[in-house]
Amino acid sequence: MARRNHMDDFTRGRMIRKLEEGRTVTSVAAEFGINKSVTSRAWKAFQTTGTAVRKVGGGRPRTTTAGDDLYISLQVKRG
């Protein structure tokens, strides 16, 4: 099973900056010690979205708010 480690936003930003300067994907990937496809995908994502930051919280949307959760837990404790 493959192990996936996400690159932090600071490193991704440094990588994008070097690509914006005109360096090749291959040379940037070699400098950071990551696979060329990772660099290429990050560069493509930056060009389409305009940002190098990963989107957080990509799961199923919450149906209850934090306040609802507190209310429910208090009701359960009261019995």
C-alpha atoms as a PDB file:
ATOM      1  CA  MET A   1       0.000   0.000   0.000  1.00  0.00           C
ATOM      2  CA  ALA A   2       1.393   3.388  -0.979  1.00  0.00           C
ATOM      3  CA  ARG A   3       2.055   5.953   1.694  1.00  0.00           C
ATOM      4  CA  ARG A   4       0.897   9.472   0.851  1.00  0.00           C
ATOM      5  CA  ASN A   5       2.473  12.528   2.402  1.00  0.00           C
ATOM      6  CA  HIS A   6       1.052  15.889   1.490  1.00  0.00           C
ATOM      7  CA  MET A   7       3.466  18.691   0.782  1.00  0.00           C
ATOM      8  CA  ASP A   8       3.051  21.662   3.119  1.00  0.00           C
ATOM      9  CA  ASP A   9       1.839  24.950   1.639  1.00  0.00           C
ATOM     10  CA  PHE A  10       5.172  26.714   2.204  1.00  0.00           C
ATOM     11  CA  THR A  11       7.101  24.146   0.159  1.00  0.00           C
ATOM     12  CA  ARG A  12       4.419  24.149  -2.534  1.00  0.00           C
ATOM     13  CA  GLY A  13       4.686  27.956  -2.725  1.00  0.00           C
ATOM     14  CA  ARG A  14       8.476  27.815  -3.065  1.00  0.00           C
ATOM     15  CA  MET A  15       8.115  25.245  -5.816  1.00  0.00           C
ATOM     16  CA  ILE A  16       5.539  27.336  -7.704  1.00  0.00           C
ATOM     17  CA  ARG A  17       7.748  30.432  -7.384  1.00  0.00           C
ATOM     18  CA  LYS A  18      10.657  28.608  -9.029  1.00  0.00           C
ATOM     19  CA  LEU A  19       8.389  27.420 -11.841  1.00  0.00           C
ATOM     20  CA  GLU A  20       7.137  30.991 -12.349  1.00  0.00           C
ATOM     21  CA  GLU A  21      10.753  32.099 -12.736  1.00  0.00           C
ATOM     22  CA  GLY A  22      10.969  29.841 -15.779  1.00  0.00           C
ATOM     23  CA  ARG A  23      12.688  26.769 -14.362  1.00  0.00           C
ATOM     24  CA  THR A  24      11.692  23.408 -15.773  1.00  0.00           C
ATOM     25  CA  VAL A  25       9.442  20.975 -13.929  1.00  0.00           C
ATOM     26  CA  THR A  26      12.220  18.383 -14.005  1.00  0.00           C
ATOM     27  CA  SER A  27      14.819  20.646 -12.403  1.00  0.00           C
ATOM     28  CA  VAL A  28      12.415  21.838  -9.685  1.00  0.00           C
ATOM     29  CA  ALA A  29      11.380  18.250  -8.910  1.00  0.00           C
ATOM     30  CA  ALA A  30      15.026  17.216  -8.623  1.00  0.00           C
ATOM     31  CA  GLU A  31      15.825  20.143  -6.320  1.00  0.00           C
ATOM     32  CA  PHE A  32      12.982  19.326  -3.930  1.00  0.00           C
ATOM     33  CA  GLY A  33      13.518  15.583  -4.186  1.00  0.00           C
ATOM     34  CA  ILE A  34       9.976  14.809  -5.275  1.00  0.00           C
ATOM     35  CA  ASN A  35       8.482  13.050  -8.259  1.00  0.00           C
ATOM     36  CA  LYS A  36       8.101  15.017 -11.477  1.00  0.00           C
ATOM     37  CA  SER A  37       4.392  14.185 -11.690  1.00  0.00           C
ATOM     38  CA  VAL A  38       3.768  15.759  -8.276  1.00  0.00           C
ATOM     39  CA  THR A  39       5.438  18.956  -9.407  1.00  0.00           C
ATOM     40  CA  SER A  40       3.561  18.937 -12.685  1.00  0.00           C
ATOM     41  CA  ARG A  41       0.166  18.416 -11.010  1.00  0.00           C
ATOM     42  CA  ALA A  42       0.820  21.207  -8.507  1.00  0.00           C
ATOM     43  CA  TRP A  43       1.871  23.543 -11.329  1.00  0.00           C
ATOM     44  CA  LYS A  44      -1.246  22.694 -13.369  1.00  0.00           C
ATOM     45  CA  ALA A  45      -3.472  23.232 -10.348  1.00  0.00           C
ATOM     46  CA  PHE A  46      -1.832  26.596  -9.716  1.00  0.00           C
ATOM     47  CA  GLN A  47      -2.344  27.676 -13.319  1.00  0.00           C
ATOM     48  CA  THR A  48      -6.054  26.791 -13.285  1.00  0.00           C
ATOM     49  CA  THR A  49      -6.995  27.999  -9.795  1.00  0.00           C
ATOM     50  CA  GLY A  50      -4.456  30.768  -9.295  1.00  0.00           C
ATOM     51  CA  THR A  51      -3.499  29.547  -5.844  1.00  0.00           C
ATOM     52  CA  ALA A  52      -0.992  27.022  -4.554  1.00  0.00           C
ATOM     53  CA  VAL A  53      -2.866  26.290  -1.311  1.00  0.00           C
ATOM     54  CA  ARG A  54      -4.656  22.977  -0.957  1.00  0.00           C
ATOM     55  CA  LYS A  55      -8.362  22.990  -0.234  1.00  0.00           C
ATOM     56  CA  VAL A  56      -9.076  21.717   3.264  1.00  0.00           C
ATOM     57  CA  GLY A  57     -12.036  19.743   4.481  1.00  0.00           C
ATOM     58  CA  GLY A  58     -13.051  17.856   1.405  1.00  0.00           C
ATOM     59  CA  GLY A  59     -15.451  15.436   2.991  1.00  0.00           C
ATOM     60  CA  ARG A  60     -19.146  15.147   3.469  1.00  0.00           C
ATOM     61  CA  PRO A  61     -20.626  18.479   4.634  1.00  0.00           C
ATOM     62  CA  ARG A  62     -21.745  18.686   8.243  1.00  0.00           C
ATOM     63  CA  THR A  63     -25.465  18.419   8.918  1.00  0.00           C
ATOM     64  CA  THR A  64     -25.310  19.767  12.474  1.00  0.00           C
ATOM     65  CA  THR A  65     -23.558  22.869  13.731  1.00  0.00           C
ATOM     66  CA  ALA A  66     -21.239  22.970  16.723  1.00  0.00           C
ATOM     67  CA  GLY A  67     -24.100  24.443  18.753  1.00  0.00           C
ATOM     68  CA  ASP A  68     -26.412  21.599  17.750  1.00  0.00           C
ATOM     69  CA  ASP A  69     -23.763  19.082  18.800  1.00  0.00           C
ATOM     70  CA  LEU A  70     -23.459  20.731  22.207  1.00  0.00           C
ATOM     71  CA  TYR A  71     -27.232  20.713  22.665  1.00  0.00           C
ATOM     72  CA  ILE A  72     -27.471  17.032  21.720  1.00  0.00           C
ATOM     73  CA  SER A  73     -24.657  16.048  24.085  1.00  0.00           C
ATOM     74  CA  LEU A  74     -26.300  17.962  26.951  1.00  0.00           C
ATOM     75  CA  GLN A  75     -29.625  16.233  26.276  1.00  0.00           C
ATOM     76  CA  VAL A  76     -27.923  12.834  26.351  1.00  0.00           C
ATOM     77  CA  LYS A  77     -26.193  13.630  29.655  1.00  0.00           C
ATOM     78  CA  ARG A  78     -29.486  14.695  31.234  1.00  0.00           C
ATOM     79  CA  GLY A  79     -30.817  11.302  30.376  1.00  0.00           C
END
